Amino acid sequence: NIRNANDTFVNTAALMHNLDLIITVDTAVGHLAGALGRPVWLILAYS
C-alpha cells in the first residue's frame, strides 16, 4: 500500500507510472490508466 498524503487522482496517476501493469474491474482506475497510456487489464462482467 503506497500511500499519498493527498488522495487525488493525480497521485494515483503518479503511482501508475511506477507500475508495470494495472489490473482492475470496470472503475475509474481503468480509465485513468488508459488515458495515461499505461498497460491495463480490465476484468468485465458477462454483460
ModelCIF file with pLDDT and N, C-alpha, C, O atoms, coordinates in Angstrom:
data_MODEL
#
_entry.id   MODEL 
#
_entity.id                         1 
_entity.type                       polymer 
_entity.pdbx_number_of_molecules   1 
#
_entity_poly.entity_id                      1 
_entity_poly.type                           'polypeptide(L)' 
_entity_poly.nstd_linkage                   no 
_entity_poly.nstd_monomer                   no 
_entity_poly.pdbx_seq_one_letter_code       NIRNANDTFVNTAALMHNLDLIITVDTAVGHLAGALGRPVWLILAYS 
_entity_poly.pdbx_seq_one_letter_code_can   NIRNANDTFVNTAALMHNLDLIITVDTAVGHLAGALGRPVWLILAYS 
_entity_poly.pdbx_strand_id                 A 
#
loop_
_entity_poly_seq.entity_id 
_entity_poly_seq.num 
_entity_poly_seq.mon_id 
_entity_poly_seq.hetero 
1 1  ASN n 
1 2  ILE n 
1 3  ARG n 
1 4  ASN n 
1 5  ALA n 
1 6  ASN n 
1 7  ASP n 
1 8  THR n 
1 9  PHE n 
1 10 VAL n 
1 11 ASN n 
1 12 THR n 
1 13 ALA n 
1 14 ALA n 
1 15 LEU n 
1 16 MET n 
1 17 HIS n 
1 18 ASN n 
1 19 LEU n 
1 20 ASP n 
1 21 LEU n 
1 22 ILE n 
1 23 ILE n 
1 24 THR n 
1 25 VAL n 
1 26 ASP n 
1 27 THR n 
1 28 ALA n 
1 29 VAL n 
1 30 GLY n 
1 31 HIS n 
1 32 LEU n 
1 33 ALA n 
1 34 GLY n 
1 35 ALA n 
1 36 LEU n 
1 37 GLY n 
1 38 ARG n 
1 39 PRO n 
1 40 VAL n 
1 41 TRP n 
1 42 LEU n 
1 43 ILE n 
1 44 LEU n 
1 45 ALA n 
1 46 TYR n 
1 47 SER n 
#
_struct_asym.id          A 
_struct_asym.entity_id   1 
#
loop_
_ma_qa_metric.id 
_ma_qa_metric.mode 
_ma_qa_metric.name 
_ma_qa_metric.software_group_id 
_ma_qa_metric.type 
1 global pLDDT . pLDDT 
2 local  pLDDT . pLDDT 
#
_ma_qa_metric_global.metric_id      1 
_ma_qa_metric_global.metric_value   92.53 
_ma_qa_metric_global.model_id       1 
_ma_qa_metric_global.ordinal_id     1 
#
loop_
_ma_qa_metric_local.label_asym_id 
_ma_qa_metric_local.label_comp_id 
_ma_qa_metric_local.label_seq_id 
_ma_qa_metric_local.metric_id 
_ma_qa_metric_local.metric_value 
_ma_qa_metric_local.model_id 
_ma_qa_metric_local.ordinal_id 
A ASN 1  2 90.00 1 1  
A ILE 2  2 86.00 1 2  
A ARG 3  2 72.00 1 3  
A ASN 4  2 63.00 1 4  
A ALA 5  2 55.00 1 5  
A ASN 6  2 61.00 1 6  
A ASP 7  2 73.00 1 7  
A THR 8  2 84.00 1 8  
A PHE 9  2 94.00 1 9  
A VAL 10 2 94.00 1 10 
A ASN 11 2 93.00 1 11 
A THR 12 2 95.00 1 12 
A ALA 13 2 96.00 1 13 
A ALA 14 2 95.00 1 14 
A LEU 15 2 95.00 1 15 
A MET 16 2 96.00 1 16 
A HIS 17 2 96.00 1 17 
A ASN 18 2 94.00 1 18 
A LEU 19 2 95.00 1 19 
A ASP 20 2 95.00 1 20 
A LEU 21 2 97.00 1 21 
A ILE 22 2 98.00 1 22 
A ILE 23 2 98.00 1 23 
A THR 24 2 98.00 1 24 
A VAL 25 2 97.00 1 25 
A ASP 26 2 96.00 1 26 
A THR 27 2 94.00 1 27 
A ALA 28 2 96.00 1 28 
A VAL 29 2 97.00 1 29 
A GLY 30 2 98.00 1 30 
A HIS 31 2 98.00 1 31 
A LEU 32 2 98.00 1 32 
A ALA 33 2 98.00 1 33 
A GLY 34 2 98.00 1 34 
A ALA 35 2 98.00 1 35 
A LEU 36 2 98.00 1 36 
A GLY 37 2 98.00 1 37 
A ARG 38 2 98.00 1 38 
A PRO 39 2 98.00 1 39 
A VAL 40 2 98.00 1 40 
A TRP 41 2 98.00 1 41 
A LEU 42 2 98.00 1 42 
A ILE 43 2 98.00 1 43 
A LEU 44 2 98.00 1 44 
A ALA 45 2 96.00 1 45 
A TYR 46 2 96.00 1 46 
A SER 47 2 94.00 1 47 
#
loop_
_atom_site.group_PDB 
_atom_site.id 
_atom_site.type_symbol 
_atom_site.label_atom_id 
_atom_site.label_alt_id 
_atom_site.label_comp_id 
_atom_site.label_asym_id 
_atom_site.label_entity_id 
_atom_site.label_seq_id 
_atom_site.pdbx_PDB_ins_code 
_atom_site.Cartn_x 
_atom_site.Cartn_y 
_atom_site.Cartn_z 
_atom_site.occupancy 
_atom_site.B_iso_or_equiv 
_atom_site.pdbx_formal_charge 
_atom_site.auth_seq_id 
_atom_site.auth_comp_id 
_atom_site.auth_asym_id 
_atom_site.auth_atom_id 
_atom_site.pdbx_PDB_model_num 
ATOM 1   N N  . ASN A 1 1  ? 0.859   -1.179  0.000   1.00 90.00 ? 1  ASN A N  1 
ATOM 2   C CA . ASN A 1 1  ? 0.000   0.000   0.000   1.00 90.00 ? 1  ASN A CA 1 
ATOM 3   C C  . ASN A 1 1  ? 0.896   1.231   0.000   1.00 90.00 ? 1  ASN A C  1 
ATOM 4   O O  . ASN A 1 1  ? 1.432   1.621   1.038   1.00 90.00 ? 1  ASN A O  1 
ATOM 5   N N  . ILE A 1 2  ? 1.056   1.839   -1.173  1.00 86.00 ? 2  ILE A N  1 
ATOM 6   C CA . ILE A 1 2  ? 1.896   3.034   -1.312  1.00 86.00 ? 2  ILE A CA 1 
ATOM 7   C C  . ILE A 1 2  ? 1.009   4.254   -1.106  1.00 86.00 ? 2  ILE A C  1 
ATOM 8   O O  . ILE A 1 2  ? 0.354   4.711   -2.043  1.00 86.00 ? 2  ILE A O  1 
ATOM 9   N N  . ARG A 1 3  ? 0.986   4.770   0.085   1.00 72.00 ? 3  ARG A N  1 
ATOM 10  C CA . ARG A 1 3  ? 0.043   5.840   0.423   1.00 72.00 ? 3  ARG A CA 1 
ATOM 11  C C  . ARG A 1 3  ? 0.571   7.216   0.026   1.00 72.00 ? 3  ARG A C  1 
ATOM 12  O O  . ARG A 1 3  ? 1.774   7.474   0.051   1.00 72.00 ? 3  ARG A O  1 
ATOM 13  N N  . ASN A 1 4  ? -0.373  8.095   -0.343  1.00 63.00 ? 4  ASN A N  1 
ATOM 14  C CA . ASN A 1 4  ? -0.075  9.501   -0.571  1.00 63.00 ? 4  ASN A CA 1 
ATOM 15  C C  . ASN A 1 4  ? -0.873  10.316  0.437   1.00 63.00 ? 4  ASN A C  1 
ATOM 16  O O  . ASN A 1 4  ? -2.015  9.982   0.754   1.00 63.00 ? 4  ASN A O  1 
ATOM 17  N N  . ALA A 1 5  ? -0.272  11.371  0.928   1.00 55.00 ? 5  ALA A N  1 
ATOM 18  C CA . ALA A 1 5  ? -0.969  12.209  1.900   1.00 55.00 ? 5  ALA A CA 1 
ATOM 19  C C  . ALA A 1 5  ? -2.212  12.843  1.286   1.00 55.00 ? 5  ALA A C  1 
ATOM 20  O O  . ALA A 1 5  ? -3.221  13.023  1.968   1.00 55.00 ? 5  ALA A O  1 
ATOM 21  N N  . ASN A 1 6  ? -2.144  13.182  0.000   1.00 61.00 ? 6  ASN A N  1 
ATOM 22  C CA . ASN A 1 6  ? -3.259  13.818  -0.690  1.00 61.00 ? 6  ASN A CA 1 
ATOM 23  C C  . ASN A 1 6  ? -3.912  12.806  -1.623  1.00 61.00 ? 6  ASN A C  1 
ATOM 24  O O  . ASN A 1 6  ? -3.337  12.439  -2.647  1.00 61.00 ? 6  ASN A O  1 
ATOM 25  N N  . ASP A 1 7  ? -5.101  12.362  -1.272  1.00 73.00 ? 7  ASP A N  1 
ATOM 26  C CA . ASP A 1 7  ? -5.765  11.292  -2.006  1.00 73.00 ? 7  ASP A CA 1 
ATOM 27  C C  . ASP A 1 7  ? -6.489  11.845  -3.234  1.00 73.00 ? 7  ASP A C  1 
ATOM 28  O O  . ASP A 1 7  ? -7.713  11.977  -3.225  1.00 73.00 ? 7  ASP A O  1 
ATOM 29  N N  . THR A 1 8  ? -5.743  12.165  -4.283  1.00 84.00 ? 8  THR A N  1 
ATOM 30  C CA . THR A 1 8  ? -6.332  12.654  -5.525  1.00 84.00 ? 8  THR A CA 1 
ATOM 31  C C  . THR A 1 8  ? -5.903  11.743  -6.660  1.00 84.00 ? 8  THR A C  1 
ATOM 32  O O  . THR A 1 8  ? -5.007  10.912  -6.510  1.00 84.00 ? 8  THR A O  1 
ATOM 33  N N  . PHE A 1 9  ? -6.563  11.915  -7.801  1.00 94.00 ? 9  PHE A N  1 
ATOM 34  C CA . PHE A 1 9  ? -6.253  11.075  -8.944  1.00 94.00 ? 9  PHE A CA 1 
ATOM 35  C C  . PHE A 1 9  ? -4.851  11.337  -9.480  1.00 94.00 ? 9  PHE A C  1 
ATOM 36  O O  . PHE A 1 9  ? -4.236  10.441  -10.058 1.00 94.00 ? 9  PHE A O  1 
ATOM 37  N N  . VAL A 1 10 ? -4.335  12.552  -9.297  1.00 94.00 ? 10 VAL A N  1 
ATOM 38  C CA . VAL A 1 10 ? -3.010  12.834  -9.823  1.00 94.00 ? 10 VAL A CA 1 
ATOM 39  C C  . VAL A 1 10 ? -1.962  12.024  -9.074  1.00 94.00 ? 10 VAL A C  1 
ATOM 40  O O  . VAL A 1 10 ? -0.952  11.641  -9.665  1.00 94.00 ? 10 VAL A O  1 
ATOM 41  N N  . ASN A 1 11 ? -2.173  11.755  -7.796  1.00 93.00 ? 11 ASN A N  1 
ATOM 42  C CA . ASN A 1 11 ? -1.251  10.910  -7.047  1.00 93.00 ? 11 ASN A CA 1 
ATOM 43  C C  . ASN A 1 11 ? -1.370  9.451   -7.465  1.00 93.00 ? 11 ASN A C  1 
ATOM 44  O O  . ASN A 1 11 ? -0.371  8.736   -7.542  1.00 93.00 ? 11 ASN A O  1 
ATOM 45  N N  . THR A 1 12 ? -2.602  9.011   -7.735  1.00 95.00 ? 12 THR A N  1 
ATOM 46  C CA . THR A 1 12 ? -2.781  7.656   -8.254  1.00 95.00 ? 12 THR A CA 1 
ATOM 47  C C  . THR A 1 12 ? -2.111  7.519   -9.614  1.00 95.00 ? 12 THR A C  1 
ATOM 48  O O  . THR A 1 12 ? -1.515  6.486   -9.918  1.00 95.00 ? 12 THR A O  1 
ATOM 49  N N  . ALA A 1 13 ? -2.208  8.563   -10.431 1.00 96.00 ? 13 ALA A N  1 
ATOM 50  C CA . ALA A 1 13 ? -1.559  8.543   -11.744 1.00 96.00 ? 13 ALA A CA 1 
ATOM 51  C C  . ALA A 1 13 ? -0.054  8.423   -11.604 1.00 96.00 ? 13 ALA A C  1 
ATOM 52  O O  . ALA A 1 13 ? 0.579   7.676   -12.351 1.00 96.00 ? 13 ALA A O  1 
ATOM 53  N N  . ALA A 1 14 ? 0.530   9.147   -10.659 1.00 95.00 ? 14 ALA A N  1 
ATOM 54  C CA . ALA A 1 14 ? 1.982   9.049   -10.431 1.00 95.00 ? 14 ALA A CA 1 
ATOM 55  C C  . ALA A 1 14 ? 2.368   7.642   -10.007 1.00 95.00 ? 14 ALA A C  1 
ATOM 56  O O  . ALA A 1 14 ? 3.407   7.130   -10.423 1.00 95.00 ? 14 ALA A O  1 
ATOM 57  N N  . LEU A 1 15 ? 1.541   7.018   -9.186  1.00 95.00 ? 15 LEU A N  1 
ATOM 58  C CA . LEU A 1 15 ? 1.798   5.644   -8.768  1.00 95.00 ? 15 LEU A CA 1 
ATOM 59  C C  . LEU A 1 15 ? 1.746   4.699   -9.963  1.00 95.00 ? 15 LEU A C  1 
ATOM 60  O O  . LEU A 1 15 ? 2.570   3.791   -10.074 1.00 95.00 ? 15 LEU A O  1 
ATOM 61  N N  . MET A 1 16 ? 0.785   4.907   -10.853 1.00 96.00 ? 16 MET A N  1 
ATOM 62  C CA . MET A 1 16 ? 0.664   4.054   -12.040 1.00 96.00 ? 16 MET A CA 1 
ATOM 63  C C  . MET A 1 16 ? 1.909   4.106   -12.916 1.00 96.00 ? 16 MET A C  1 
ATOM 64  O O  . MET A 1 16 ? 2.258   3.118   -13.562 1.00 96.00 ? 16 MET A O  1 
ATOM 65  N N  . HIS A 1 17 ? 2.570   5.242   -12.939 1.00 96.00 ? 17 HIS A N  1 
ATOM 66  C CA . HIS A 1 17 ? 3.792   5.371   -13.730 1.00 96.00 ? 17 HIS A CA 1 
ATOM 67  C C  . HIS A 1 17 ? 4.952   4.581   -13.139 1.00 96.00 ? 17 HIS A C  1 
ATOM 68  O O  . HIS A 1 17 ? 5.997   4.434   -13.773 1.00 96.00 ? 17 HIS A O  1 
ATOM 69  N N  . ASN A 1 18 ? 4.769   4.076   -11.935 1.00 94.00 ? 18 ASN A N  1 
ATOM 70  C CA . ASN A 1 18 ? 5.789   3.250   -11.307 1.00 94.00 ? 18 ASN A CA 1 
ATOM 71  C C  . ASN A 1 18 ? 5.389   1.779   -11.266 1.00 94.00 ? 18 ASN A C  1 
ATOM 72  O O  . ASN A 1 18 ? 6.021   0.982   -10.572 1.00 94.00 ? 18 ASN A O  1 
ATOM 73  N N  . LEU A 1 19 ? 4.360   1.423   -11.995 1.00 95.00 ? 19 LEU A N  1 
ATOM 74  C CA . LEU A 1 19 ? 3.887   0.044   -12.073 1.00 95.00 ? 19 LEU A CA 1 
ATOM 75  C C  . LEU A 1 19 ? 4.104   -0.505  -13.476 1.00 95.00 ? 19 LEU A C  1 
ATOM 76  O O  . LEU A 1 19 ? 4.104   0.246   -14.451 1.00 95.00 ? 19 LEU A O  1 
ATOM 77  N N  . ASP A 1 20 ? 4.288   -1.800  -13.572 1.00 95.00 ? 20 ASP A N  1 
ATOM 78  C CA . ASP A 1 20 ? 4.412   -2.452  -14.882 1.00 95.00 ? 20 ASP A CA 1 
ATOM 79  C C  . ASP A 1 20 ? 3.054   -2.703  -15.510 1.00 95.00 ? 20 ASP A C  1 
ATOM 80  O O  . ASP A 1 20 ? 2.935   -2.742  -16.735 1.00 95.00 ? 20 ASP A O  1 
ATOM 81  N N  . LEU A 1 21 ? 2.026   -2.876  -14.681 1.00 97.00 ? 21 LEU A N  1 
ATOM 82  C CA . LEU A 1 21 ? 0.710   -3.277  -15.165 1.00 97.00 ? 21 LEU A CA 1 
ATOM 83  C C  . LEU A 1 21 ? -0.337  -2.907  -14.126 1.00 97.00 ? 21 LEU A C  1 
ATOM 84  O O  . LEU A 1 21 ? -0.076  -2.950  -12.924 1.00 97.00 ? 21 LEU A O  1 
ATOM 85  N N  . ILE A 1 22 ? -1.531  -2.543  -14.602 1.00 98.00 ? 22 ILE A N  1 
ATOM 86  C CA . ILE A 1 22 ? -2.677  -2.291  -13.734 1.00 98.00 ? 22 ILE A CA 1 
ATOM 87  C C  . ILE A 1 22 ? -3.756  -3.304  -14.077 1.00 98.00 ? 22 ILE A C  1 
ATOM 88  O O  . ILE A 1 22 ? -4.105  -3.469  -15.246 1.00 98.00 ? 22 ILE A O  1 
ATOM 89  N N  . ILE A 1 23 ? -4.285  -3.984  -13.067 1.00 98.00 ? 23 ILE A N  1 
ATOM 90  C CA . ILE A 1 23 ? -5.396  -4.923  -13.239 1.00 98.00 ? 23 ILE A CA 1 
ATOM 91  C C  . ILE A 1 23 ? -6.562  -4.401  -12.408 1.00 98.00 ? 23 ILE A C  1 
ATOM 92  O O  . ILE A 1 23 ? -6.414  -4.149  -11.212 1.00 98.00 ? 23 ILE A O  1 
ATOM 93  N N  . THR A 1 24 ? -7.725  -4.238  -13.043 1.00 98.00 ? 24 THR A N  1 
ATOM 94  C CA . THR A 1 24 ? -8.839  -3.604  -12.353 1.00 98.00 ? 24 THR A CA 1 
ATOM 95  C C  . THR A 1 24 ? -10.172 -4.069  -12.917 1.00 98.00 ? 24 THR A C  1 
ATOM 96  O O  . THR A 1 24 ? -10.254 -4.521  -14.059 1.00 98.00 ? 24 THR A O  1 
ATOM 97  N N  . VAL A 1 25 ? -11.212 -3.953  -12.103 1.00 97.00 ? 25 VAL A N  1 
ATOM 98  C CA . VAL A 1 25 ? -12.565 -4.103  -12.615 1.00 97.00 ? 25 VAL A CA 1 
ATOM 99  C C  . VAL A 1 25 ? -12.942 -2.778  -13.276 1.00 97.00 ? 25 VAL A C  1 
ATOM 100 O O  . VAL A 1 25 ? -12.124 -1.860  -13.349 1.00 97.00 ? 25 VAL A O  1 
ATOM 101 N N  . ASP A 1 26 ? -14.177 -2.683  -13.754 1.00 96.00 ? 26 ASP A N  1 
ATOM 102 C CA . ASP A 1 26 ? -14.608 -1.527  -14.539 1.00 96.00 ? 26 ASP A CA 1 
ATOM 103 C C  . ASP A 1 26 ? -14.857 -0.319  -13.633 1.00 96.00 ? 26 ASP A C  1 
ATOM 104 O O  . ASP A 1 26 ? -15.988 -0.050  -13.229 1.00 96.00 ? 26 ASP A O  1 
ATOM 105 N N  . THR A 1 27 ? -13.790 0.393   -13.328 1.00 94.00 ? 27 THR A N  1 
ATOM 106 C CA . THR A 1 27 ? -13.873 1.586   -12.495 1.00 94.00 ? 27 THR A CA 1 
ATOM 107 C C  . THR A 1 27 ? -13.051 2.694   -13.127 1.00 94.00 ? 27 THR A C  1 
ATOM 108 O O  . THR A 1 27 ? -12.459 2.514   -14.191 1.00 94.00 ? 27 THR A O  1 
ATOM 109 N N  . ALA A 1 28 ? -13.018 3.848   -12.457 1.00 96.00 ? 28 ALA A N  1 
ATOM 110 C CA . ALA A 1 28 ? -12.224 4.980   -12.936 1.00 96.00 ? 28 ALA A CA 1 
ATOM 111 C C  . ALA A 1 28 ? -10.745 4.650   -12.993 1.00 96.00 ? 28 ALA A C  1 
ATOM 112 O O  . ALA A 1 28 ? -10.005 5.276   -13.751 1.00 96.00 ? 28 ALA A O  1 
ATOM 113 N N  . VAL A 1 29 ? -10.297 3.678   -12.206 1.00 97.00 ? 29 VAL A N  1 
ATOM 114 C CA . VAL A 1 29 ? -8.893  3.276   -12.242 1.00 97.00 ? 29 VAL A CA 1 
ATOM 115 C C  . VAL A 1 29 ? -8.499  2.817   -13.638 1.00 97.00 ? 29 VAL A C  1 
ATOM 116 O O  . VAL A 1 29 ? -7.422  3.158   -14.128 1.00 97.00 ? 29 VAL A O  1 
ATOM 117 N N  . GLY A 1 30 ? -9.371  2.043   -14.280 1.00 98.00 ? 30 GLY A N  1 
ATOM 118 C CA . GLY A 1 30 ? -9.088  1.586   -15.636 1.00 98.00 ? 30 GLY A CA 1 
ATOM 119 C C  . GLY A 1 30 ? -9.018  2.725   -16.628 1.00 98.00 ? 30 GLY A C  1 
ATOM 120 O O  . GLY A 1 30 ? -8.136  2.751   -17.486 1.00 98.00 ? 30 GLY A O  1 
ATOM 121 N N  . HIS A 1 31 ? -9.939  3.668   -16.521 1.00 98.00 ? 31 HIS A N  1 
ATOM 122 C CA . HIS A 1 31 ? -9.934  4.829   -17.422 1.00 98.00 ? 31 HIS A CA 1 
ATOM 123 C C  . HIS A 1 31 ? -8.682  5.669   -17.215 1.00 98.00 ? 31 HIS A C  1 
ATOM 124 O O  . HIS A 1 31 ? -8.079  6.140   -18.179 1.00 98.00 ? 31 HIS A O  1 
ATOM 125 N N  . LEU A 1 32 ? -8.292  5.856   -15.964 1.00 98.00 ? 32 LEU A N  1 
ATOM 126 C CA . LEU A 1 32 ? -7.103  6.657   -15.684 1.00 98.00 ? 32 LEU A CA 1 
ATOM 127 C C  . LEU A 1 32 ? -5.863  6.010   -16.279 1.00 98.00 ? 32 LEU A C  1 
ATOM 128 O O  . LEU A 1 32 ? -5.049  6.684   -16.911 1.00 98.00 ? 32 LEU A O  1 
ATOM 129 N N  . ALA A 1 33 ? -5.715  4.703   -16.080 1.00 98.00 ? 33 ALA A N  1 
ATOM 130 C CA . ALA A 1 33 ? -4.559  4.005   -16.638 1.00 98.00 ? 33 ALA A CA 1 
ATOM 131 C C  . ALA A 1 33 ? -4.542  4.111   -18.156 1.00 98.00 ? 33 ALA A C  1 
ATOM 132 O O  . ALA A 1 33 ? -3.493  4.359   -18.751 1.00 98.00 ? 33 ALA A O  1 
ATOM 133 N N  . GLY A 1 34 ? -5.689  3.925   -18.783 1.00 98.00 ? 34 GLY A N  1 
ATOM 134 C CA . GLY A 1 34 ? -5.759  4.010   -20.238 1.00 98.00 ? 34 GLY A CA 1 
ATOM 135 C C  . GLY A 1 34 ? -5.429  5.399   -20.753 1.00 98.00 ? 34 GLY A C  1 
ATOM 136 O O  . GLY A 1 34 ? -4.721  5.540   -21.750 1.00 98.00 ? 34 GLY A O  1 
ATOM 137 N N  . ALA A 1 35 ? -5.937  6.430   -20.082 1.00 98.00 ? 35 ALA A N  1 
ATOM 138 C CA . ALA A 1 35 ? -5.681  7.812   -20.501 1.00 98.00 ? 35 ALA A CA 1 
ATOM 139 C C  . ALA A 1 35 ? -4.218  8.190   -20.345 1.00 98.00 ? 35 ALA A C  1 
ATOM 140 O O  . ALA A 1 35 ? -3.711  9.055   -21.059 1.00 98.00 ? 35 ALA A O  1 
ATOM 141 N N  . LEU A 1 36 ? -3.536  7.530   -19.397 1.00 98.00 ? 36 LEU A N  1 
ATOM 142 C CA . LEU A 1 36 ? -2.107  7.766   -19.194 1.00 98.00 ? 36 LEU A CA 1 
ATOM 143 C C  . LEU A 1 36 ? -1.247  6.945   -20.144 1.00 98.00 ? 36 LEU A C  1 
ATOM 144 O O  . LEU A 1 36 ? -0.030  7.127   -20.197 1.00 98.00 ? 36 LEU A O  1 
ATOM 145 N N  . GLY A 1 37 ? -1.876  6.036   -20.897 1.00 98.00 ? 37 GLY A N  1 
ATOM 146 C CA . GLY A 1 37 ? -1.130  5.154   -21.782 1.00 98.00 ? 37 GLY A CA 1 
ATOM 147 C C  . GLY A 1 37 ? -0.441  4.019   -21.050 1.00 98.00 ? 37 GLY A C  1 
ATOM 148 O O  . GLY A 1 37 ? 0.484   3.415   -21.593 1.00 98.00 ? 37 GLY A O  1 
ATOM 149 N N  . ARG A 1 38 ? -0.871  3.709   -19.818 1.00 98.00 ? 38 ARG A N  1 
ATOM 150 C CA . ARG A 1 38 ? -0.273  2.639   -19.043 1.00 98.00 ? 38 ARG A CA 1 
ATOM 151 C C  . ARG A 1 38 ? -0.905  1.294   -19.411 1.00 98.00 ? 38 ARG A C  1 
ATOM 152 O O  . ARG A 1 38 ? -2.096  1.242   -19.719 1.00 98.00 ? 38 ARG A O  1 
ATOM 153 N N  . PRO A 1 39 ? -0.133  0.211   -19.383 1.00 98.00 ? 39 PRO A N  1 
ATOM 154 C CA . PRO A 1 39 ? -0.706  -1.110  -19.644 1.00 98.00 ? 39 PRO A CA 1 
ATOM 155 C C  . PRO A 1 39 ? -1.759  -1.437  -18.585 1.00 98.00 ? 39 PRO A C  1 
ATOM 156 O O  . PRO A 1 39 ? -1.473  -1.382  -17.389 1.00 98.00 ? 39 PRO A O  1 
ATOM 157 N N  . VAL A 1 40 ? -2.973  -1.776  -19.017 1.00 98.00 ? 40 VAL A N  1 
ATOM 158 C CA . VAL A 1 40 ? -4.063  -2.024  -18.079 1.00 98.00 ? 40 VAL A CA 1 
ATOM 159 C C  . VAL A 1 40 ? -4.924  -3.177  -18.578 1.00 98.00 ? 40 VAL A C  1 
ATOM 160 O O  . VAL A 1 40 ? -5.279  -3.245  -19.754 1.00 98.00 ? 40 VAL A O  1 
ATOM 161 N N  . TRP A 1 41 ? -5.251  -4.081  -17.658 1.00 98.00 ? 41 TRP A N  1 
ATOM 162 C CA . TRP A 1 41 ? -6.140  -5.204  -17.939 1.00 98.00 ? 41 TRP A CA 1 
ATOM 163 C C  . TRP A 1 41 ? -7.443  -4.963  -17.199 1.00 98.00 ? 41 TRP A C  1 
ATOM 164 O O  . TRP A 1 41 ? -7.449  -4.789  -15.981 1.00 98.00 ? 41 TRP A O  1 
ATOM 165 N N  . LEU A 1 42 ? -8.549  -4.953  -17.936 1.00 98.00 ? 42 LEU A N  1 
ATOM 166 C CA . LEU A 1 42 ? -9.862  -4.661  -17.371 1.00 98.00 ? 42 LEU A CA 1 
ATOM 167 C C  . LEU A 1 42 ? -10.671 -5.956  -17.283 1.00 98.00 ? 42 LEU A C  1 
ATOM 168 O O  . LEU A 1 42 ? -10.876 -6.631  -18.292 1.00 98.00 ? 42 LEU A O  1 
ATOM 169 N N  . ILE A 1 43 ? -11.130 -6.300  -16.080 1.00 98.00 ? 43 ILE A N  1 
ATOM 170 C CA . ILE A 1 43 ? -11.914 -7.510  -15.866 1.00 98.00 ? 43 ILE A CA 1 
ATOM 171 C C  . ILE A 1 43 ? -13.391 -7.133  -15.902 1.00 98.00 ? 43 ILE A C  1 
ATOM 172 O O  . ILE A 1 43 ? -13.852 -6.316  -15.106 1.00 98.00 ? 43 ILE A O  1 
ATOM 173 N N  . LEU A 1 44 ? -14.126 -7.737  -16.833 1.00 98.00 ? 44 LEU A N  1 
ATOM 174 C CA . LEU A 1 44 ? -15.503 -7.307  -17.113 1.00 98.00 ? 44 LEU A CA 1 
ATOM 175 C C  . LEU A 1 44 ? -16.535 -8.369  -16.780 1.00 98.00 ? 44 LEU A C  1 
ATOM 176 O O  . LEU A 1 44 ? -16.263 -9.567  -16.848 1.00 98.00 ? 44 LEU A O  1 
ATOM 177 N N  . ALA A 1 45 ? -17.730 -7.903  -16.417 1.00 96.00 ? 45 ALA A N  1 
ATOM 178 C CA . ALA A 1 45 ? -18.877 -8.777  -16.225 1.00 96.00 ? 45 ALA A CA 1 
ATOM 179 C C  . ALA A 1 45 ? -19.306 -9.358  -17.580 1.00 96.00 ? 45 ALA A C  1 
ATOM 180 O O  . ALA A 1 45 ? -18.918 -8.854  -18.634 1.00 96.00 ? 45 ALA A O  1 
ATOM 181 N N  . TYR A 1 46 ? -20.097 -10.406 -17.532 1.00 96.00 ? 46 TYR A N  1 
ATOM 182 C CA . TYR A 1 46 ? -20.571 -11.067 -18.756 1.00 96.00 ? 46 TYR A CA 1 
ATOM 183 C C  . TYR A 1 46 ? -21.353 -10.088 -19.637 1.00 96.00 ? 46 TYR A C  1 
ATOM 184 O O  . TYR A 1 46 ? -21.205 -10.096 -20.859 1.00 96.00 ? 46 TYR A O  1 
ATOM 185 N N  . SER A 1 47 ? -22.178 -9.252  -19.021 1.00 94.00 ? 47 SER A N  1 
ATOM 186 C CA . SER A 1 47 ? -22.902 -8.194  -19.742 1.00 94.00 ? 47 SER A CA 1 
ATOM 187 C C  . SER A 1 47 ? -22.385 -6.853  -19.224 1.00 94.00 ? 47 SER A C  1 
ATOM 188 O O  . SER A 1 47 ? -22.839 -5.801  -19.675 1.00 94.00 ? 47 SER A O  1 
#
